[in-house]
Amino acid sequence: MTKILKTAALITLATIATSCGSSSSGSGTGTGTGTGTGTTATDGAQYTSTYKAIISTNCGGCHASGTSPDLSTFTNVKTNRTAMLTQINAGTMPPSKSSAWTTTDKAKLVEYLTNSTDFK
């Protein structure tokens, strides 16, 4: 009985070893469009969770989609972040008429634009 079990175990292991070692080649056709942006799932993670609302509230009135510079997306914020920092630190943006701009929002946004891993 033991000899039969050992033989069965060896046959099973041999079958597994040979099937795992084989490679398959196929010629399947893909269905993707090839229109990806080249970003990863984590790109802009901090932007989406926290800073999008600050930018939308304080900048979106003048810098929405279709305006220049458009700050309505992470990609556009990433492209314009140096200019944003310059304007924020100079006190020229947002304009003084923007009542929603708080010292806390400014500090958070400057810290984010300066040090966030979103831009690394």
Protein backbone atom coordinates (compact mmCIF):
# COMPACT_ATOMS: atom_id res chain seq x y z
CA MET A 1 0.00 0.00 0.00
CA THR A 2 2.82 2.41 0.89
CA LYS A 3 4.60 1.62 -2.38
CA ILE A 4 1.42 2.42 -4.34
CA LEU A 5 1.01 5.76 -2.52
CA LYS A 6 4.67 6.66 -3.15
CA THR A 7 4.33 5.79 -6.83
CA ALA A 8 1.12 7.83 -7.13
CA ALA A 9 2.79 10.78 -5.39
CA LEU A 10 5.80 10.62 -7.74
CA ILE A 11 3.55 10.49 -10.80
CA THR A 12 1.56 13.47 -9.50
CA LEU A 13 4.74 15.47 -8.82
CA ALA A 14 6.16 14.60 -12.24
CA THR A 15 2.94 15.70 -13.92
CA ILE A 16 2.90 19.00 -12.03
CA ALA A 17 6.59 19.65 -12.71
CA THR A 18 6.27 19.11 -16.44
CA SER A 19 3.07 21.12 -16.80
CA CYS A 20 4.46 24.08 -14.83
CA GLY A 21 7.61 24.13 -16.88
CA SER A 22 5.92 24.31 -20.23
CA SER A 23 5.31 27.59 -21.91
CA SER A 24 2.42 28.54 -24.03
CA SER A 25 2.44 30.78 -27.00
CA GLY A 26 -0.65 32.18 -28.51
CA SER A 27 -1.59 34.77 -31.01
CA GLY A 28 -4.50 36.44 -29.31
CA THR A 29 -5.81 39.79 -30.41
CA GLY A 30 -5.97 42.58 -27.85
CA THR A 31 -8.93 44.88 -27.44
CA GLY A 32 -7.28 47.94 -25.87
CA THR A 33 -7.45 51.36 -27.49
CA GLY A 34 -3.93 52.51 -26.64
CA THR A 35 -5.20 55.83 -25.34
CA GLY A 36 -3.81 55.64 -21.80
CA THR A 37 -2.24 58.66 -20.13
CA GLY A 38 0.85 56.90 -18.82
CA THR A 39 -0.06 57.59 -15.21
CA THR A 40 -0.35 55.10 -12.41
CA ALA A 41 -3.26 54.57 -10.08
CA THR A 42 -1.46 56.52 -7.37
CA ASP A 43 -0.65 59.59 -9.47
CA GLY A 44 -2.35 62.52 -7.87
CA ALA A 45 -3.60 60.50 -4.90
CA GLN A 46 -3.06 63.35 -2.45
CA TYR A 47 -4.46 65.84 -4.96
CA THR A 48 -7.71 63.91 -5.28
CA SER A 49 -8.19 63.25 -1.59
CA THR A 50 -7.42 66.72 -0.22
CA TYR A 51 -6.13 69.42 -2.53
CA LYS A 52 -8.53 69.25 -5.46
CA ALA A 53 -11.23 70.86 -3.29
CA ILE A 54 -8.90 73.67 -2.13
CA ILE A 55 -7.85 74.43 -5.72
CA SER A 56 -11.41 74.19 -7.02
CA THR A 57 -12.76 76.50 -4.31
CA ASN A 58 -9.99 79.09 -4.51
CA CYS A 59 -8.85 78.90 -8.14
CA GLY A 60 -11.69 77.26 -10.06
CA GLY A 61 -13.66 80.45 -10.59
CA CYS A 62 -10.99 81.75 -12.98
CA HIS A 63 -8.94 78.65 -13.78
CA ALA A 64 -11.57 76.06 -14.70
CA SER A 65 -11.64 73.77 -17.72
CA GLY A 66 -11.33 75.78 -20.91
CA THR A 67 -9.44 78.67 -19.31
CA SER A 68 -5.75 79.44 -19.19
CA PRO A 69 -4.17 78.13 -17.17
CA ASP A 70 -6.68 75.38 -16.59
CA LEU A 71 -6.17 74.06 -13.03
CA SER A 72 -9.12 71.66 -13.05
CA THR A 73 -7.07 68.45 -13.34
CA PHE A 74 -4.09 66.94 -11.55
CA THR A 75 -2.06 66.90 -14.78
CA ASN A 76 -2.61 70.63 -15.27
CA VAL A 77 -1.79 71.42 -11.64
CA LYS A 78 1.39 69.36 -11.98
CA THR A 79 2.33 71.27 -15.14
CA ASN A 80 1.63 74.67 -13.55
CA ARG A 81 2.75 74.08 -9.98
CA THR A 82 5.87 76.27 -10.13
CA ALA A 83 3.84 79.20 -11.46
CA MET A 84 1.16 78.52 -8.86
CA LEU A 85 3.72 78.65 -6.06
CA THR A 86 5.18 81.89 -7.41
CA GLN A 87 1.75 83.55 -7.59
CA ILE A 88 0.57 82.26 -4.21
CA ASN A 89 3.79 83.28 -2.43
CA ALA A 90 3.70 86.73 -4.08
CA GLY A 91 0.14 87.17 -2.86
CA THR A 92 -1.20 87.82 -6.36
CA MET A 93 -3.28 84.67 -6.58
CA PRO A 94 -5.93 84.14 -5.77
CA PRO A 95 -7.07 87.77 -6.07
CA SER A 96 -8.16 89.48 -2.87
CA LYS A 97 -11.81 89.15 -3.94
CA SER A 98 -11.57 85.42 -3.23
CA SER A 99 -13.16 85.32 0.22
CA ALA A 100 -12.81 81.54 0.57
CA TRP A 101 -8.98 81.67 0.68
CA THR A 102 -7.85 81.04 4.23
CA THR A 103 -4.40 81.07 5.79
CA THR A 104 -4.85 77.36 6.47
CA ASP A 105 -5.76 76.60 2.83
CA LYS A 106 -2.78 78.64 1.63
CA ALA A 107 -0.36 76.84 3.97
CA LYS A 108 -1.72 73.42 3.00
CA LEU A 109 -1.55 74.16 -0.72
CA VAL A 110 1.97 75.64 -0.58
CA GLU A 111 3.18 72.61 1.40
CA TYR A 112 1.51 70.26 -1.08
CA LEU A 113 2.87 71.99 -4.19
CA THR A 114 6.35 72.14 -2.64
CA ASN A 115 6.74 68.71 -1.05
CA SER A 116 4.08 66.26 -2.19
CA THR A 117 5.06 62.81 -3.39
CA ASP A 118 2.48 63.37 -6.14
CA PHE A 119 5.15 65.37 -7.98
CA LYS A 120 8.13 63.04 -7.48
